Each structure stands twice: as structure tokens, then as C-alpha cells.
Protein backbone atom coordinates (compact mmCIF):
# COMPACT_ATOMS: atom_id res chain seq x y z
CA MET A 1 14.82 -1.77 4.32
CA PHE A 2 14.15 -5.43 3.58
CA ASP A 3 12.27 -4.58 0.38
CA LEU A 4 14.99 -2.14 -0.71
CA THR A 5 17.70 -4.73 -0.08
CA ASN A 6 15.80 -7.38 -2.03
CA GLU A 7 15.23 -4.93 -4.88
CA ILE A 8 18.86 -3.81 -5.09
CA ARG A 9 20.25 -7.34 -4.77
CA GLY A 10 17.65 -8.70 -7.17
CA PHE A 11 16.69 -11.70 -5.04
CA LYS A 12 15.23 -12.69 -1.68
CA ASN A 13 17.60 -14.38 0.72
CA GLU A 14 15.84 -17.05 2.80
CA GLY A 15 17.75 -16.19 5.99
CA TRP A 16 17.06 -12.50 5.46
CA GLU A 17 13.35 -13.25 4.96
CA ASN A 18 13.25 -15.43 8.09
CA TYR A 19 14.79 -12.54 10.04
CA ARG A 20 12.17 -10.15 8.61
CA GLN A 21 9.35 -12.47 9.67
CA MET A 22 10.81 -12.79 13.17
CA LEU A 23 10.90 -9.00 13.50
CA LEU A 24 7.37 -8.64 12.13
CA SER A 25 6.12 -11.19 14.64
CA SER A 26 7.61 -9.36 17.61
CA TYR A 27 7.92 -5.57 17.15
CA PRO A 28 4.39 -4.62 16.02
CA GLN A 29 3.00 -6.26 19.18
CA LYS A 30 5.14 -4.11 21.46
CA ASP A 31 3.92 -0.71 22.58
CA ALA A 32 5.25 2.44 20.96
CA GLU A 33 7.41 3.44 23.94
CA GLU A 34 9.17 0.08 24.06
CA ASN A 35 9.84 0.26 20.31
CA PHE A 36 11.13 3.84 20.68
CA ASN A 37 13.52 2.81 23.47
CA HIS A 38 14.86 -0.01 21.32
CA ALA A 39 15.23 2.26 18.27
CA ALA A 40 16.98 4.93 20.36
CA LYS A 41 19.53 2.36 21.52
CA GLN A 42 20.02 1.19 17.94
CA ALA A 43 20.58 4.81 16.87
CA TYR A 44 23.69 4.88 19.06
CA ILE A 45 25.33 2.36 16.72
CA ALA A 46 25.12 4.79 13.79
CA PHE A 47 25.80 7.68 16.16
CA SER A 48 29.13 6.19 17.29
CA GLN A 49 30.10 5.59 13.66
CA ALA A 50 29.31 9.24 12.85
CA ILE A 51 31.54 10.42 15.71
CA THR A 52 34.37 8.16 14.54
CA ALA A 53 34.03 9.22 10.90
CA ALA A 54 33.97 12.90 11.87
CA ALA A 55 37.11 12.49 14.00
CA PHE A 56 38.84 10.76 11.08
CA GLU A 57 37.99 13.81 8.92
CA GLY A 58 39.20 16.24 11.59
CA VAL A 59 35.71 17.44 12.49
CA ASP A 60 34.71 17.91 16.12
CA THR A 61 31.54 16.38 17.59
CA THR A 62 30.02 15.93 21.00
CA PRO A 63 26.96 13.90 22.02
CA LEU A 64 24.16 15.81 23.73
CA GLU A 65 21.36 14.28 25.77
CA GLY A 66 20.36 17.03 28.19
CA PHE A 67 17.88 18.69 25.84
CA ASP A 68 14.10 19.02 25.65
CA PRO A 69 13.14 16.28 23.17
CA ASP A 70 9.55 17.50 22.85
CA ALA A 71 10.76 20.96 21.83
CA VAL A 72 13.27 19.53 19.34
CA ASP A 73 10.60 17.24 17.90
CA GLU A 74 8.25 20.19 17.46
CA ILE A 75 10.86 22.49 15.91
CA LEU A 76 11.96 19.82 13.43
CA GLY A 77 8.45 18.47 12.81
CA LEU A 78 9.58 14.96 13.77
CA ARG A 79 6.29 13.67 15.19
CA GLU A 80 4.52 14.34 11.88
CA LYS A 81 7.08 12.01 10.28
CA GLY A 82 6.59 9.31 12.93
CA LEU A 83 9.95 10.16 14.52
CA ARG A 84 11.24 11.27 17.91
CA SER A 85 14.60 12.69 18.95
CA ALA A 86 16.83 10.63 21.22
CA VAL A 87 20.22 12.35 21.08
CA LEU A 88 21.80 15.33 19.32
CA LEU A 89 25.19 15.49 17.62
CA PRO A 90 26.63 18.96 17.10
CA VAL A 91 29.25 18.83 14.34
CA GLY A 92 31.75 21.51 13.40
CA TYR A 93 35.25 22.89 13.44
CA ARG A 94 36.76 24.41 16.53
CA LYS A 95 38.21 27.89 16.57
CA GLU A 96 41.43 27.09 18.38
CA ASN A 97 42.26 30.77 18.81
CA GLU A 98 38.97 31.21 20.73
CA ASP A 99 38.96 27.87 22.59
CA TRP A 100 40.16 28.44 26.13
CA LEU A 101 40.32 24.66 26.67
CA VAL A 102 42.61 23.91 23.72
CA ASP A 103 45.90 24.06 25.68
CA LEU A 104 44.63 22.36 28.84
CA VAL A 105 45.64 18.78 29.54
CA LYS A 106 42.78 16.32 29.02
CA VAL A 107 41.57 14.80 32.30
CA ARG A 108 40.16 11.29 32.21
CA LYS A 109 39.39 8.76 34.90
CA PRO A 110 42.08 6.11 35.27
CA MET A 111 41.25 2.96 33.29
CA GLU A 112 40.98 0.88 36.47
CA ASP A 113 38.28 3.26 37.79
CA LEU A 114 36.35 3.21 34.52
CA VAL A 115 36.56 -0.40 33.37
CA THR A 116 35.83 -3.56 35.35
CA VAL A 117 37.78 -6.54 34.10
CA ILE A 118 35.99 -9.86 34.56
CA ASN A 119 38.17 -12.94 34.31
């Protein structure tokens, strides 16, 4: 990504290069599982943006974690690409005429039970 950015922008930014060197001095020394856990958490940033963008376009999504990642990795050939699955995001349009939940009132925890305010 650093090389691509430098190529597209046509120059190397000193701060950007310093950041690259900091990353190169820390991540390669970590074990693969620690790097995977960090990358999986970073994936949630893009994941949340995808959910928001889909909602803006009127497309339904729902995050899924309760799946067999080894099976998904095998089916999609992810390990051969140096990748592993962390979360799934089904995307599609609902069939309101077949959705028995469509007319039910949404139930959410009260804000005071979900959020802790620290003053």
C-alpha cells in the first residue's frame, strides 16, 4: 500500500515513510496469530463502512461470526492467498412479503443498559 500510494502521488512523504518503517520494525517480529488478530480488528473498520454504505443504498446486511472459519477458508481458497476469514457479511435485499419479522417492533436494550457514561 505504501508503494502504491507513493507511485500514485508521485513522491515519498517523509512522515508516511517514517510510519512505514515503524510498522516494518514491529509487525514482522510478531507471530502470525498476533498479526491475524490485529488485522481482523482492523477489518472491522472497513466492515462497518460497508454496512453503513449498504444501508445508505437500501441494501440489507448482517454481520456473522458464528461460522467455521477453517471451512470458509478452504472453500474460498484463502490460505493459499495468505488470508484467513474473520467475519462474514451477507448482503442482499429483503423480501418483505416473505419476512415474518418485517411488521414487528424492533426491540433494543435501553441506552442506559447498553452504554456506560464516564464523566
